[in-house]
Amino acid sequence: MTNNIKIKREKQFKDALYWGGSFFWAGLVFGADLLGLLPQVGQLDVWNWVFLGVGLYGLLGALFFLVSPNWSNPTTWDFIWSGFWFLVGLSGVIIFDIIWAVGLILLGLLILAIGFAHQSNTHSNSASL
Protein backbone atom coordinates (compact mmCIF):
# COMPACT_ATOMS: atom_id res chain seq x y z
CA MET A 1 0.00 0.00 0.00
CA THR A 2 1.42 3.37 -0.93
CA ASN A 3 2.00 6.01 1.72
CA ASN A 4 -0.65 8.37 0.29
CA ILE A 5 -3.35 5.70 0.47
CA LYS A 6 -2.35 4.86 4.05
CA ILE A 7 -2.53 8.53 5.07
CA LYS A 8 -5.91 8.94 3.36
CA ARG A 9 -7.36 5.87 5.10
CA GLU A 10 -6.01 7.03 8.46
CA LYS A 11 -7.62 10.44 7.97
CA GLN A 12 -10.92 8.83 7.00
CA PHE A 13 -10.77 6.65 10.13
CA LYS A 14 -10.02 9.65 12.38
CA ASP A 15 -12.83 11.66 10.76
CA ALA A 16 -15.26 8.76 11.26
CA LEU A 17 -14.24 8.51 14.93
CA TYR A 18 -14.72 12.24 15.45
CA TRP A 19 -18.01 12.69 13.62
CA GLY A 20 -19.52 9.42 14.83
CA GLY A 21 -18.60 10.19 18.43
CA SER A 22 -19.82 13.78 18.10
CA PHE A 23 -23.25 12.75 16.78
CA PHE A 24 -23.47 10.03 19.43
CA TRP A 25 -22.75 12.64 22.14
CA ALA A 26 -25.28 15.07 20.66
CA GLY A 27 -27.92 12.31 20.66
CA LEU A 28 -27.20 11.52 24.30
CA VAL A 29 -27.46 15.18 25.27
CA PHE A 30 -30.71 15.78 23.37
CA GLY A 31 -32.14 12.55 24.81
CA ALA A 32 -31.18 13.57 28.35
CA ASP A 33 -32.77 16.97 27.76
CA LEU A 34 -36.02 15.42 26.53
CA LEU A 35 -36.13 13.16 29.60
CA GLY A 36 -35.36 16.05 31.95
CA LEU A 37 -32.03 14.49 33.00
CA LEU A 38 -29.73 17.22 31.69
CA PRO A 39 -28.00 18.99 34.62
CA GLN A 40 -28.79 22.68 34.97
CA VAL A 41 -25.43 24.36 35.53
CA GLY A 42 -25.24 28.13 35.17
CA GLN A 43 -26.98 29.11 31.96
CA LEU A 44 -25.96 26.01 30.03
CA ASP A 45 -28.60 24.92 27.56
CA VAL A 46 -28.67 21.80 25.41
CA TRP A 47 -26.44 23.33 22.71
CA ASN A 48 -23.82 24.42 25.25
CA TRP A 49 -23.65 20.82 26.49
CA VAL A 50 -23.30 19.53 22.93
CA PHE A 51 -20.48 21.94 22.08
CA LEU A 52 -18.76 21.41 25.41
CA GLY A 53 -18.75 17.64 24.90
CA VAL A 54 -17.74 17.76 21.25
CA GLY A 55 -14.89 20.17 22.00
CA LEU A 56 -13.63 18.11 24.91
CA TYR A 57 -13.95 14.91 22.84
CA GLY A 58 -11.96 16.51 20.00
CA LEU A 59 -9.23 17.80 22.34
CA LEU A 60 -8.85 14.44 24.07
CA GLY A 61 -8.80 12.66 20.71
CA ALA A 62 -6.13 15.03 19.37
CA LEU A 63 -4.05 14.53 22.52
CA PHE A 64 -4.40 10.75 22.18
CA PHE A 65 -3.16 10.83 18.58
CA LEU A 66 -0.37 13.21 19.58
CA VAL A 67 1.08 10.81 22.17
CA SER A 68 0.32 7.60 20.27
CA PRO A 69 3.37 6.37 18.32
CA ASN A 70 1.26 4.37 15.84
CA TRP A 71 -0.75 7.30 14.51
CA SER A 72 0.16 10.47 12.68
CA ASN A 73 0.08 13.67 14.71
CA PRO A 74 -3.09 15.78 14.63
CA THR A 75 -2.97 19.06 12.76
CA THR A 76 -2.97 22.44 14.45
CA TRP A 77 -6.50 22.94 13.14
CA ASP A 78 -7.67 19.86 15.08
CA PHE A 79 -6.70 21.66 18.28
CA ILE A 80 -8.04 25.04 17.15
CA TRP A 81 -11.49 23.75 16.17
CA SER A 82 -11.80 21.53 19.24
CA GLY A 83 -10.78 24.41 21.50
CA PHE A 84 -13.25 26.69 19.73
CA TRP A 85 -16.17 24.26 20.24
CA PHE A 86 -15.14 23.80 23.87
CA LEU A 87 -15.20 27.57 24.42
CA VAL A 88 -18.59 27.83 22.72
CA GLY A 89 -19.84 25.26 25.20
CA LEU A 90 -18.37 27.15 28.14
CA SER A 91 -20.07 30.37 27.08
CA GLY A 92 -23.14 29.34 29.07
CA VAL A 93 -21.11 29.34 32.29
CA ILE A 94 -18.57 32.11 31.75
CA ILE A 95 -19.17 35.45 30.06
CA PHE A 96 -16.84 35.70 27.09
CA ASP A 97 -17.79 39.08 25.63
CA ILE A 98 -14.27 40.47 25.30
CA ILE A 99 -12.61 37.06 25.01
CA TRP A 100 -14.66 36.24 21.88
CA ALA A 101 -13.55 39.46 20.18
CA VAL A 102 -9.90 38.93 21.11
CA GLY A 103 -10.09 35.25 20.15
CA LEU A 104 -11.51 36.05 16.72
CA ILE A 105 -8.82 38.68 16.14
CA LEU A 106 -6.07 36.23 17.13
CA LEU A 107 -7.57 33.49 14.95
CA GLY A 108 -7.71 35.87 12.00
CA LEU A 109 -4.09 36.91 12.54
CA LEU A 110 -3.05 33.25 12.74
CA ILE A 111 -4.78 32.47 9.45
CA LEU A 112 -3.19 35.50 7.79
CA ALA A 113 0.26 34.55 9.11
CA ILE A 114 -0.09 30.99 7.82
CA GLY A 115 -1.23 32.28 4.44
CA PHE A 116 1.67 34.73 4.13
CA ALA A 117 4.19 32.12 5.32
CA HIS A 118 2.89 29.64 2.74
CA GLN A 119 2.98 32.30 0.02
CA SER A 120 6.57 33.33 0.85
CA ASN A 121 7.68 29.67 0.86
CA THR A 122 6.10 29.18 -2.56
CA HIS A 123 7.93 32.22 -3.96
CA SER A 124 11.29 31.30 -2.40
CA ASN A 125 11.03 27.72 -3.72
CA SER A 126 10.23 28.88 -7.25
CA ALA A 127 13.05 31.47 -7.14
CA SER A 128 15.62 28.83 -6.18
CA LEU A 129 14.73 26.61 -9.15
C-alpha atoms as a PDB file:
ATOM      1  CA  MET A   1       0.000   0.000   0.000  1.00  0.00           C
ATOM      2  CA  THR A   2       1.421   3.369  -0.927  1.00  0.00           C
ATOM      3  CA  ASN A   3       1.998   6.005   1.717  1.00  0.00           C
ATOM      4  CA  ASN A   4      -0.652   8.374   0.291  1.00  0.00           C
ATOM      5  CA  ILE A   5      -3.351   5.703   0.472  1.00  0.00           C
ATOM      6  CA  LYS A   6      -2.349   4.856   4.052  1.00  0.00           C
ATOM      7  CA  ILE A   7      -2.529   8.532   5.073  1.00  0.00           C
ATOM      8  CA  LYS A   8      -5.911   8.938   3.359  1.00  0.00           C
ATOM      9  CA  ARG A   9      -7.359   5.865   5.101  1.00  0.00           C
ATOM     10  CA  GLU A  10      -6.011   7.032   8.458  1.00  0.00           C
ATOM     11  CA  LYS A  11      -7.619  10.444   7.972  1.00  0.00           C
ATOM     12  CA  GLN A  12     -10.925   8.827   7.003  1.00  0.00           C
ATOM     13  CA  PHE A  13     -10.768   6.651  10.128  1.00  0.00           C
ATOM     14  CA  LYS A  14     -10.024   9.650  12.375  1.00  0.00           C
ATOM     15  CA  ASP A  15     -12.830  11.657  10.755  1.00  0.00           C
ATOM     16  CA  ALA A  16     -15.261   8.756  11.261  1.00  0.00           C
ATOM     17  CA  LEU A  17     -14.242   8.507  14.929  1.00  0.00           C
ATOM     18  CA  TYR A  18     -14.724  12.244  15.452  1.00  0.00           C
ATOM     19  CA  TRP A  19     -18.014  12.690  13.621  1.00  0.00           C
ATOM     20  CA  GLY A  20     -19.521   9.418  14.833  1.00  0.00           C
ATOM     21  CA  GLY A  21     -18.601  10.193  18.431  1.00  0.00           C
ATOM     22  CA  SER A  22     -19.823  13.783  18.097  1.00  0.00           C
ATOM     23  CA  PHE A  23     -23.250  12.750  16.779  1.00  0.00           C
ATOM     24  CA  PHE A  24     -23.471  10.030  19.432  1.00  0.00           C
ATOM     25  CA  TRP A  25     -22.752  12.638  22.136  1.00  0.00           C
ATOM     26  CA  ALA A  26     -25.283  15.067  20.658  1.00  0.00           C
ATOM     27  CA  GLY A  27     -27.922  12.313  20.656  1.00  0.00           C
ATOM     28  CA  LEU A  28     -27.200  11.515  24.298  1.00  0.00           C
ATOM     29  CA  VAL A  29     -27.458  15.180  25.271  1.00  0.00           C
ATOM     30  CA  PHE A  30     -30.712  15.780  23.375  1.00  0.00           C
ATOM     31  CA  GLY A  31     -32.142  12.552  24.810  1.00  0.00           C
ATOM     32  CA  ALA A  32     -31.179  13.572  28.345  1.00  0.00           C
ATOM     33  CA  ASP A  33     -32.767  16.971  27.764  1.00  0.00           C
ATOM     34  CA  LEU A  34     -36.021  15.416  26.533  1.00  0.00           C
ATOM     35  CA  LEU A  35     -36.126  13.163  29.603  1.00  0.00           C
ATOM     36  CA  GLY A  36     -35.356  16.053  31.952  1.00  0.00           C
ATOM     37  CA  LEU A  37     -32.034  14.493  33.004  1.00  0.00           C
ATOM     38  CA  LEU A  38     -29.725  17.219  31.689  1.00  0.00           C
ATOM     39  CA  PRO A  39     -28.003  18.993  34.616  1.00  0.00           C
ATOM     40  CA  GLN A  40     -28.789  22.681  34.972  1.00  0.00           C
ATOM     41  CA  VAL A  41     -25.429  24.363  35.525  1.00  0.00           C
ATOM     42  CA  GLY A  42     -25.241  28.134  35.167  1.00  0.00           C
ATOM     43  CA  GLN A  43     -26.985  29.107  31.957  1.00  0.00           C
ATOM     44  CA  LEU A  44     -25.960  26.006  30.034  1.00  0.00           C
ATOM     45  CA  ASP A  45     -28.598  24.920  27.557  1.00  0.00           C
ATOM     46  CA  VAL A  46     -28.671  21.804  25.409  1.00  0.00           C
ATOM     47  CA  TRP A  47     -26.442  23.332  22.708  1.00  0.00           C
ATOM     48  CA  ASN A  48     -23.823  24.417  25.247  1.00  0.00           C
ATOM     49  CA  TRP A  49     -23.650  20.820  26.493  1.00  0.00           C
ATOM     50  CA  VAL A  50     -23.302  19.529  22.927  1.00  0.00           C
ATOM     51  CA  PHE A  51     -20.482  21.945  22.076  1.00  0.00           C
ATOM     52  CA  LEU A  52     -18.763  21.407  25.407  1.00  0.00           C
ATOM     53  CA  GLY A  53     -18.748  17.640  24.904  1.00  0.00           C
ATOM     54  CA  VAL A  54     -17.742  17.762  21.246  1.00  0.00           C
ATOM     55  CA  GLY A  55     -14.894  20.173  21.996  1.00  0.00           C
ATOM     56  CA  LEU A  56     -13.629  18.108  24.905  1.00  0.00           C
ATOM     57  CA  TYR A  57     -13.946  14.914  22.843  1.00  0.00           C
ATOM     58  CA  GLY A  58     -11.956  16.508  20.002  1.00  0.00           C
ATOM     59  CA  LEU A  59      -9.234  17.803  22.342  1.00  0.00           C
ATOM     60  CA  LEU A  60      -8.855  14.444  24.070  1.00  0.00           C
ATOM     61  CA  GLY A  61      -8.800  12.664  20.708  1.00  0.00           C
ATOM     62  CA  ALA A  62      -6.134  15.028  19.371  1.00  0.00           C
ATOM     63  CA  LEU A  63      -4.049  14.529  22.524  1.00  0.00           C
ATOM     64  CA  PHE A  64      -4.396  10.754  22.178  1.00  0.00           C
ATOM     65  CA  PHE A  65      -3.160  10.828  18.578  1.00  0.00           C
ATOM     66  CA  LEU A  66      -0.373  13.213  19.584  1.00  0.00           C
ATOM     67  CA  VAL A  67       1.083  10.809  22.170  1.00  0.00           C
ATOM     68  CA  SER A  68       0.323   7.596  20.268  1.00  0.00           C
ATOM     69  CA  PRO A  69       3.370   6.372  18.318  1.00  0.00           C
ATOM     70  CA  ASN A  70       1.264   4.366  15.842  1.00  0.00           C
ATOM     71  CA  TRP A  71      -0.751   7.300  14.512  1.00  0.00           C
ATOM     72  CA  SER A  72       0.157  10.471  12.676  1.00  0.00           C
ATOM     73  CA  ASN A  73       0.081  13.673  14.706  1.00  0.00           C
ATOM     74  CA  PRO A  74      -3.085  15.784  14.630  1.00  0.00           C
ATOM     75  CA  THR A  75      -2.975  19.056  12.764  1.00  0.00           C
ATOM     76  CA  THR A  76      -2.969  22.439  14.454  1.00  0.00           C
ATOM     77  CA  TRP A  77      -6.501  22.942  13.143  1.00  0.00           C
ATOM     78  CA  ASP A  78      -7.668  19.864  15.082  1.00  0.00           C
ATOM     79  CA  PHE A  79      -6.701  21.656  18.283  1.00  0.00           C
ATOM     80  CA  ILE A  80      -8.039  25.041  17.152  1.00  0.00           C
ATOM     81  CA  TRP A  81     -11.495  23.746  16.171  1.00  0.00           C
ATOM     82  CA  SER A  82     -11.799  21.526  19.242  1.00  0.00           C
ATOM     83  CA  GLY A  83     -10.784  24.407  21.503  1.00  0.00           C
ATOM     84  CA  PHE A  84     -13.247  26.686  19.729  1.00  0.00           C
ATOM     85  CA  TRP A  85     -16.168  24.264  20.242  1.00  0.00           C
ATOM     86  CA  PHE A  86     -15.143  23.796  23.869  1.00  0.00           C
ATOM     87  CA  LEU A  87     -15.198  27.574  24.418  1.00  0.00           C
ATOM     88  CA  VAL A  88     -18.595  27.831  22.723  1.00  0.00           C
ATOM     89  CA  GLY A  89     -19.840  25.257  25.205  1.00  0.00           C
ATOM     90  CA  LEU A  90     -18.368  27.152  28.141  1.00  0.00           C
ATOM     91  CA  SER A  91     -20.072  30.368  27.076  1.00  0.00           C
ATOM     92  CA  GLY A  92     -23.139  29.344  29.071  1.00  0.00           C
ATOM     93  CA  VAL A  93     -21.110  29.344  32.285  1.00  0.00           C
ATOM     94  CA  ILE A  94     -18.571  32.110  31.751  1.00  0.00           C
ATOM     95  CA  ILE A  95     -19.174  35.447  30.057  1.00  0.00           C
ATOM     96  CA  PHE A  96     -16.835  35.698  27.090  1.00  0.00           C
ATOM     97  CA  ASP A  97     -17.795  39.080  25.634  1.00  0.00           C
ATOM     98  CA  ILE A  98     -14.272  40.470  25.296  1.00  0.00           C
ATOM     99  CA  ILE A  99     -12.615  37.062  25.007  1.00  0.00           C
ATOM    100  CA  TRP A 100     -14.660  36.245  21.882  1.00  0.00           C
ATOM    101  CA  ALA A 101     -13.549  39.455  20.185  1.00  0.00           C
ATOM    102  CA  VAL A 102      -9.898  38.930  21.108  1.00  0.00           C
ATOM    103  CA  GLY A 103     -10.093  35.250  20.150  1.00  0.00           C
ATOM    104  CA  LEU A 104     -11.511  36.046  16.723  1.00  0.00           C
ATOM    105  CA  ILE A 105      -8.825  38.685  16.137  1.00  0.00           C
ATOM    106  CA  LEU A 106      -6.074  36.226  17.130  1.00  0.00           C
ATOM    107  CA  LEU A 107      -7.567  33.491  14.953  1.00  0.00           C
ATOM    108  CA  GLY A 108      -7.711  35.873  12.002  1.00  0.00           C
ATOM    109  CA  LEU A 109      -4.095  36.906  12.541  1.00  0.00           C
ATOM    110  CA  LEU A 110      -3.052  33.253  12.743  1.00  0.00           C
ATOM    111  CA  ILE A 111      -4.783  32.467   9.453  1.00  0.00           C
ATOM    112  CA  LEU A 112      -3.191  35.497   7.787  1.00  0.00           C
ATOM    113  CA  ALA A 113       0.264  34.554   9.111  1.00  0.00           C
ATOM    114  CA  ILE A 114      -0.094  30.987   7.824  1.00  0.00           C
ATOM    115  CA  GLY A 115      -1.232  32.283   4.442  1.00  0.00           C
ATOM    116  CA  PHE A 116       1.671  34.730   4.134  1.00  0.00           C
ATOM    117  CA  ALA A 117       4.193  32.116   5.315  1.00  0.00           C
ATOM    118  CA  HIS A 118       2.889  29.643   2.739  1.00  0.00           C
ATOM    119  CA  GLN A 119       2.982  32.297   0.020  1.00  0.00           C
ATOM    120  CA  SER A 120       6.569  33.326   0.846  1.00  0.00           C
ATOM    121  CA  ASN A 121       7.679  29.665   0.858  1.00  0.00           C
ATOM    122  CA  THR A 122       6.103  29.183  -2.561  1.00  0.00           C
ATOM    123  CA  HIS A 123       7.931  32.222  -3.958  1.00  0.00           C
ATOM    124  CA  SER A 124      11.287  31.297  -2.401  1.00  0.00           C
ATOM    125  CA  ASN A 125      11.032  27.721  -3.718  1.00  0.00           C
ATOM    126  CA  SER A 126      10.230  28.880  -7.248  1.00  0.00           C
ATOM    127  CA  ALA A 127      13.048  31.470  -7.141  1.00  0.00           C
ATOM    128  CA  SER A 128      15.624  28.831  -6.179  1.00  0.00           C
ATOM    129  CA  LEU A 129      14.726  26.613  -9.155  1.00  0.00           C
END
